[in-house]
């Protein structure tokens, strides 16, 4: 599960960097490192948050289940 969480953290980081790049250079995609492989189409805010949120929820649920009762 930890590997899955780290994968989603990387996805969020890539999304954040894409967003910062767009703010800095405007609406043109010329030279954008995220345009390769159509990352912009895949890494929408909704997709990133839904995907990461689902994985993080599973992770926290797993931790909660593994804790012994007080």
PDB file of N, CA and C in Angstrom:
ATOM      1  N   UNK A   1       0.819  -1.193   0.000  1.00  0.00           N
ATOM      2  CA  UNK A   1       0.000   0.000   0.000  1.00  0.00           C
ATOM      3  C   UNK A   1       0.862   1.256   0.000  1.00  0.00           C
ATOM      4  N   UNK A   2       2.004   1.204   0.691  1.00  0.00           N
ATOM      5  CA  UNK A   2       2.875   2.374   0.756  1.00  0.00           C
ATOM      6  C   UNK A   2       3.340   2.791  -0.635  1.00  0.00           C
ATOM      7  N   UNK A   3       3.649   1.829  -1.489  1.00  0.00           N
ATOM      8  CA  UNK A   3       4.080   2.148  -2.852  1.00  0.00           C
ATOM      9  C   UNK A   3       2.969   2.864  -3.619  1.00  0.00           C
ATOM     10  N   UNK A   4       1.726   2.437  -3.400  1.00  0.00           N
ATOM     11  CA  UNK A   4       0.580   3.059  -4.065  1.00  0.00           C
ATOM     12  C   UNK A   4       0.401   4.505  -3.589  1.00  0.00           C
ATOM     13  N   UNK A   5       0.592   4.733  -2.286  1.00  0.00           N
ATOM     14  CA  UNK A   5       0.494   6.088  -1.726  1.00  0.00           C
ATOM     15  C   UNK A   5       1.599   6.973  -2.300  1.00  0.00           C
ATOM     16  N   UNK A   6       2.807   6.462  -2.363  1.00  0.00           N
ATOM     17  CA  UNK A   6       3.917   7.245  -2.917  1.00  0.00           C
ATOM     18  C   UNK A   6       3.679   7.573  -4.393  1.00  0.00           C
ATOM     19  N   UNK A   7       3.096   6.646  -5.132  1.00  0.00           N
ATOM     20  CA  UNK A   7       2.763   6.880  -6.541  1.00  0.00           C
ATOM     21  C   UNK A   7       1.775   8.041  -6.669  1.00  0.00           C
ATOM     22  N   UNK A   8       0.774   8.078  -5.801  1.00  0.00           N
ATOM     23  CA  UNK A   8      -0.215   9.164  -5.847  1.00  0.00           C
ATOM     24  C   UNK A   8       0.398  10.486  -5.403  1.00  0.00           C
ATOM     25  N   UNK A   9       1.332  10.428  -4.458  1.00  0.00           N
ATOM     26  CA  UNK A   9       2.031  11.647  -4.040  1.00  0.00           C
ATOM     27  C   UNK A   9       2.831  12.213  -5.214  1.00  0.00           C
ATOM     28  N   UNK A  10       3.466  11.339  -5.974  1.00  0.00           N
ATOM     29  CA  UNK A  10       4.205  11.773  -7.161  1.00  0.00           C
ATOM     30  C   UNK A  10       3.256  12.390  -8.184  1.00  0.00           C
ATOM     31  N   UNK A  11       2.081  11.810  -8.363  1.00  0.00           N
ATOM     32  CA  UNK A  11       1.083  12.347  -9.281  1.00  0.00           C
ATOM     33  C   UNK A  11       0.678  13.761  -8.862  1.00  0.00           C
ATOM     34  N   UNK A  12       0.444  13.960  -7.568  1.00  0.00           N
ATOM     35  CA  UNK A  12       0.073  15.283  -7.063  1.00  0.00           C
ATOM     36  C   UNK A  12       1.216  16.267  -7.301  1.00  0.00           C
ATOM     37  N   UNK A  13       2.442  15.832  -7.074  1.00  0.00           N
ATOM     38  CA  UNK A  13       3.607  16.696  -7.287  1.00  0.00           C
ATOM     39  C   UNK A  13       3.732  17.082  -8.752  1.00  0.00           C
ATOM     40  N   UNK A  14       3.540  16.124  -9.651  1.00  0.00           N
ATOM     41  CA  UNK A  14       3.597  16.427 -11.088  1.00  0.00           C
ATOM     42  C   UNK A  14       2.510  17.421 -11.468  1.00  0.00           C
ATOM     43  N   UNK A  15       1.319  17.240 -10.918  1.00  0.00           N
ATOM     44  CA  UNK A  15       0.203  18.147 -11.202  1.00  0.00           C
ATOM     45  C   UNK A  15       0.533  19.550 -10.717  1.00  0.00           C
ATOM     46  N   UNK A  16       1.104  19.656  -9.518  1.00  0.00           N
ATOM     47  CA  UNK A  16       1.457  20.954  -8.949  1.00  0.00           C
ATOM     48  C   UNK A  16       2.505  21.651  -9.808  1.00  0.00           C
ATOM     49  N   UNK A  17       3.517  20.914 -10.247  1.00  0.00           N
ATOM     50  CA  UNK A  17       4.562  21.506 -11.088  1.00  0.00           C
ATOM     51  C   UNK A  17       3.983  21.965 -12.425  1.00  0.00           C
ATOM     52  N   UNK A  18       3.055  21.177 -12.977  1.00  0.00           N
ATOM     53  CA  UNK A  18       2.413  21.564 -14.240  1.00  0.00           C
ATOM     54  C   UNK A  18       1.658  22.864 -14.054  1.00  0.00           C
ATOM     55  N   UNK A  19       0.933  22.954 -12.958  1.00  0.00           N
ATOM     56  CA  UNK A  19       0.143  24.147 -12.664  1.00  0.00           C
ATOM     57  C   UNK A  19       1.048  25.369 -12.505  1.00  0.00           C
ATOM     58  N   UNK A  20       2.153  25.212 -11.807  1.00  0.00           N
ATOM     59  CA  UNK A  20       3.102  26.316 -11.616  1.00  0.00           C
ATOM     60  C   UNK A  20       3.728  26.727 -12.948  1.00  0.00           C
ATOM     61  N   UNK A  21       4.051  25.743 -13.790  1.00  0.00           N
ATOM     62  CA  UNK A  21       4.627  26.050 -15.096  1.00  0.00           C
ATOM     63  C   UNK A  21       3.659  26.877 -15.928  1.00  0.00           C
ATOM     64  N   UNK A  22       2.398  26.490 -15.927  1.00  0.00           N
ATOM     65  CA  UNK A  22       1.384  27.207 -16.708  1.00  0.00           C
ATOM     66  C   UNK A  22       1.202  28.636 -16.212  1.00  0.00           C
ATOM     67  N   UNK A  23       1.249  28.833 -14.895  1.00  0.00           N
ATOM     68  CA  UNK A  23       1.115  30.177 -14.341  1.00  0.00           C
ATOM     69  C   UNK A  23       2.290  31.060 -14.759  1.00  0.00           C
ATOM     70  N   UNK A  24       3.470  30.476 -14.782  1.00  0.00           N
ATOM     71  CA  UNK A  24       4.681  31.241 -15.076  1.00  0.00           C
ATOM     72  C   UNK A  24       4.796  31.590 -16.556  1.00  0.00           C
ATOM     73  N   UNK A  25       4.442  30.656 -17.435  1.00  0.00           N
ATOM     74  CA  UNK A  25       4.671  30.859 -18.866  1.00  0.00           C
ATOM     75  C   UNK A  25       3.412  31.157 -19.664  1.00  0.00           C
ATOM     76  N   UNK A  26       2.287  31.249 -19.013  1.00  0.00           N
ATOM     77  CA  UNK A  26       1.063  31.587 -19.727  1.00  0.00           C
ATOM     78  C   UNK A  26       0.414  30.389 -20.379  1.00  0.00           C
ATOM     79  N   UNK A  27      -0.469  30.676 -21.314  1.00  0.00           N
ATOM     80  CA  UNK A  27      -1.305  29.635 -21.913  1.00  0.00           C
ATOM     81  C   UNK A  27      -0.610  28.844 -23.023  1.00  0.00           C
ATOM     82  N   UNK A  28       0.578  29.276 -23.462  1.00  0.00           N
ATOM     83  CA  UNK A  28       1.242  28.543 -24.542  1.00  0.00           C
ATOM     84  C   UNK A  28       1.876  27.272 -24.008  1.00  0.00           C
ATOM     85  N   UNK A  29       1.841  26.239 -24.798  1.00  0.00           N
ATOM     86  CA  UNK A  29       2.423  24.959 -24.399  1.00  0.00           C
ATOM     87  C   UNK A  29       3.809  24.752 -25.004  1.00  0.00           C
ATOM     88  N   UNK A  30       4.312  25.755 -25.712  1.00  0.00           N
ATOM     89  CA  UNK A  30       5.614  25.638 -26.359  1.00  0.00           C
ATOM     90  C   UNK A  30       6.689  25.424 -25.296  1.00  0.00           C
ATOM     91  N   UNK A  31       7.403  24.330 -25.404  1.00  0.00           N
ATOM     92  CA  UNK A  31       8.470  24.017 -24.469  1.00  0.00           C
ATOM     93  C   UNK A  31       8.011  23.416 -23.157  1.00  0.00           C
ATOM     94  N   UNK A  32       6.732  23.178 -23.026  1.00  0.00           N
ATOM     95  CA  UNK A  32       6.210  22.625 -21.777  1.00  0.00           C
ATOM     96  C   UNK A  32       6.656  21.165 -21.615  1.00  0.00           C
ATOM     97  N   UNK A  33       7.333  20.849 -20.513  1.00  0.00           N
ATOM     98  CA  UNK A  33       7.780  19.466 -20.305  1.00  0.00           C
ATOM     99  C   UNK A  33       6.622  18.512 -20.005  1.00  0.00           C
ATOM    100  N   UNK A  34       5.452  19.034 -19.698  1.00  0.00           N
ATOM    101  CA  UNK A  34       4.310  18.193 -19.355  1.00  0.00           C
ATOM    102  C   UNK A  34       3.413  17.909 -20.550  1.00  0.00           C
ATOM    103  N   UNK A  35       3.714  18.544 -21.692  1.00  0.00           N
ATOM    104  CA  UNK A  35       2.901  18.341 -22.883  1.00  0.00           C
ATOM    105  C   UNK A  35       3.225  17.002 -23.552  1.00  0.00           C
ATOM    106  N   UNK A  36       4.397  16.479 -23.282  1.00  0.00           N
ATOM    107  CA  UNK A  36       4.796  15.192 -23.855  1.00  0.00           C
ATOM    108  C   UNK A  36       3.916  14.093 -23.284  1.00  0.00           C
ATOM    109  N   UNK A  37       3.374  13.257 -24.116  1.00  0.00           N
ATOM    110  CA  UNK A  37       2.518  12.162 -23.669  1.00  0.00           C
ATOM    111  C   UNK A  37       1.157  12.636 -23.194  1.00  0.00           C
ATOM    112  N   UNK A  38       0.799  13.853 -23.561  1.00  0.00           N
ATOM    113  CA  UNK A  38      -0.506  14.429 -23.254  1.00  0.00           C
ATOM    114  C   UNK A  38      -0.827  14.376 -21.761  1.00  0.00           C
ATOM    115  N   UNK A  39       0.184  14.712 -20.936  1.00  0.00           N
ATOM    116  CA  UNK A  39       0.011  14.711 -19.484  1.00  0.00           C
ATOM    117  C   UNK A  39      -1.085  15.684 -19.079  1.00  0.00           C
ATOM    118  N   UNK A  40      -1.173  16.823 -19.762  1.00  0.00           N
ATOM    119  CA  UNK A  40      -2.188  17.817 -19.403  1.00  0.00           C
ATOM    120  C   UNK A  40      -3.596  17.239 -19.497  1.00  0.00           C
ATOM    121  N   UNK A  41      -3.824  16.389 -20.489  1.00  0.00           N
ATOM    122  CA  UNK A  41      -5.142  15.774 -20.645  1.00  0.00           C
ATOM    123  C   UNK A  41      -5.452  14.806 -19.508  1.00  0.00           C
ATOM    124  N   UNK A  42      -4.414  14.150 -18.993  1.00  0.00           N
ATOM    125  CA  UNK A  42      -4.605  13.132 -17.968  1.00  0.00           C
ATOM    126  C   UNK A  42      -4.621  13.734 -16.560  1.00  0.00           C
ATOM    127  N   UNK A  43      -3.810  14.747 -16.338  1.00  0.00           N
ATOM    128  CA  UNK A  43      -3.610  15.290 -14.995  1.00  0.00           C
ATOM    129  C   UNK A  43      -4.507  16.489 -14.718  1.00  0.00           C
ATOM    130  N   UNK A  44      -5.799  16.304 -14.885  1.00  0.00           N
ATOM    131  CA  UNK A  44      -6.722  17.374 -14.526  1.00  0.00           C
ATOM    132  C   UNK A  44      -6.814  17.430 -13.005  1.00  0.00           C
ATOM    133  N   UNK A  45      -7.207  18.551 -12.482  1.00  0.00           N
ATOM    134  CA  UNK A  45      -7.344  18.710 -11.035  1.00  0.00           C
ATOM    135  C   UNK A  45      -8.293  17.667 -10.463  1.00  0.00           C
ATOM    136  N   UNK A  46      -9.419  17.479 -11.115  1.00  0.00           N
ATOM    137  CA  UNK A  46     -10.414  16.526 -10.633  1.00  0.00           C
ATOM    138  C   UNK A  46      -9.857  15.105 -10.601  1.00  0.00           C
ATOM    139  N   UNK A  47      -9.158  14.699 -11.668  1.00  0.00           N
ATOM    140  CA  UNK A  47      -8.592  13.352 -11.726  1.00  0.00           C
ATOM    141  C   UNK A  47      -7.547  13.158 -10.635  1.00  0.00           C
ATOM    142  N   UNK A  48      -6.657  14.128 -10.486  1.00  0.00           N
ATOM    143  CA  UNK A  48      -5.574  14.004  -9.508  1.00  0.00           C
ATOM    144  C   UNK A  48      -6.134  13.908  -8.092  1.00  0.00           C
ATOM    145  N   UNK A  49      -7.065  14.794  -7.753  1.00  0.00           N
ATOM    146  CA  UNK A  49      -7.618  14.779  -6.398  1.00  0.00           C
ATOM    147  C   UNK A  49      -8.448  13.527  -6.133  1.00  0.00           C
ATOM    148  N   UNK A  50      -9.242  13.107  -7.103  1.00  0.00           N
ATOM    149  CA  UNK A  50     -10.056  11.903  -6.919  1.00  0.00           C
ATOM    150  C   UNK A  50      -9.174  10.668  -6.766  1.00  0.00           C
ATOM    151  N   UNK A  51      -8.181  10.568  -7.606  1.00  0.00           N
ATOM    152  CA  UNK A  51      -7.287   9.420  -7.581  1.00  0.00           C
ATOM    153  C   UNK A  51      -6.479   9.371  -6.284  1.00  0.00           C
ATOM    154  N   UNK A  52      -5.898  10.498  -5.922  1.00  0.00           N
ATOM    155  CA  UNK A  52      -5.099  10.558  -4.698  1.00  0.00           C
ATOM    156  C   UNK A  52      -5.990  10.379  -3.473  1.00  0.00           C
ATOM    157  N   UNK A  53      -7.140  11.037  -3.460  1.00  0.00           N
ATOM    158  CA  UNK A  53      -8.042  10.945  -2.318  1.00  0.00           C
ATOM    159  C   UNK A  53      -8.482   9.519  -2.048  1.00  0.00           C
ATOM    160  N   UNK A  54      -8.817   8.799  -3.098  1.00  0.00           N
ATOM    161  CA  UNK A  54      -9.247   7.414  -2.938  1.00  0.00           C
ATOM    162  C   UNK A  54      -8.128   6.556  -2.336  1.00  0.00           C
ATOM    163  N   UNK A  55      -6.919   6.714  -2.843  1.00  0.00           N
ATOM    164  CA  UNK A  55      -5.787   5.948  -2.338  1.00  0.00           C
ATOM    165  C   UNK A  55      -5.459   6.323  -0.901  1.00  0.00           C
ATOM    166  N   UNK A  56      -5.476   7.619  -0.594  1.00  0.00           N
ATOM    167  CA  UNK A  56      -5.169   8.062   0.763  1.00  0.00           C
ATOM    168  C   UNK A  56      -6.231   7.555   1.744  1.00  0.00           C
ATOM    169  N   UNK A  57      -7.489   7.538   1.322  1.00  0.00           N
ATOM    170  CA  UNK A  57      -8.562   7.027   2.173  1.00  0.00           C
ATOM    171  C   UNK A  57      -8.346   5.543   2.477  1.00  0.00           C
ATOM    172  N   UNK A  58      -7.980   4.776   1.455  1.00  0.00           N
ATOM    173  CA  UNK A  58      -7.688   3.355   1.651  1.00  0.00           C
ATOM    174  C   UNK A  58      -6.533   3.174   2.626  1.00  0.00           C
ATOM    175  N   UNK A  59      -5.517   3.990   2.466  1.00  0.00           N
ATOM    176  CA  UNK A  59      -4.325   3.918   3.316  1.00  0.00           C
ATOM    177  C   UNK A  59      -4.678   4.194   4.779  1.00  0.00           C
ATOM    178  N   UNK A  60      -5.429   5.269   5.030  1.00  0.00           N
ATOM    179  CA  UNK A  60      -5.797   5.605   6.398  1.00  0.00           C
ATOM    180  C   UNK A  60      -6.754   4.568   6.992  1.00  0.00           C
ATOM    181  N   UNK A  61      -7.632   4.009   6.184  1.00  0.00           N
ATOM    182  CA  UNK A  61      -8.531   2.951   6.645  1.00  0.00           C
ATOM    183  C   UNK A  61      -7.730   1.710   7.045  1.00  0.00           C
ATOM    184  N   UNK A  62      -6.700   1.410   6.261  1.00  0.00           N
ATOM    185  CA  UNK A  62      -5.846   0.259   6.545  1.00  0.00           C
ATOM    186  C   UNK A  62      -5.114   0.465   7.885  1.00  0.00           C
ATOM    187  N   UNK A  63      -4.631   1.672   8.088  1.00  0.00           N
ATOM    188  CA  UNK A  63      -3.940   1.987   9.348  1.00  0.00           C
ATOM    189  C   UNK A  63      -4.908   1.862  10.525  1.00  0.00           C
ATOM    190  N   UNK A  64      -6.110   2.382  10.337  1.00  0.00           N
ATOM    191  CA  UNK A  64      -7.116   2.346  11.399  1.00  0.00           C
ATOM    192  C   UNK A  64      -7.473   0.892  11.761  1.00  0.00           C
ATOM    193  N   UNK A  65      -7.617   0.046  10.738  1.00  0.00           N
ATOM    194  CA  UNK A  65      -7.952  -1.371  10.976  1.00  0.00           C
ATOM    195  C   UNK A  65      -6.829  -2.101  11.690  1.00  0.00           C
ATOM    196  N   UNK A  66      -5.587  -1.724  11.430  1.00  0.00           N
ATOM    197  CA  UNK A  66      -4.459  -2.433  12.000  1.00  0.00           C
ATOM    198  C   UNK A  66      -4.130  -1.992  13.430  1.00  0.00           C
ATOM    199  N   UNK A  67      -4.692  -0.864  13.884  1.00  0.00           N
ATOM    200  CA  UNK A  67      -4.460  -0.411  15.251  1.00  0.00           C
ATOM    201  C   UNK A  67      -5.249  -1.266  16.230  1.00  0.00           C
ATOM    202  N   UNK A  68      -4.602  -1.689  17.300  1.00  0.00           N
ATOM    203  CA  UNK A  68      -5.355  -2.452  18.308  1.00  0.00           C
ATOM    204  C   UNK A  68      -6.277  -1.506  19.081  1.00  0.00           C
ATOM    205  N   UNK A  69      -7.421  -2.001  19.520  1.00  0.00           N
ATOM    206  CA  UNK A  69      -8.342  -1.150  20.277  1.00  0.00           C
ATOM    207  C   UNK A  69      -7.693  -0.712  21.594  1.00  0.00           C
ATOM    208  N   UNK A  70      -8.059   0.489  22.100  1.00  0.00           N
ATOM    209  CA  UNK A  70      -7.456   0.989  23.359  1.00  0.00           C
ATOM    210  C   UNK A  70      -7.857   0.178  24.561  1.00  0.00           C
TER     211      UNK A  70
END
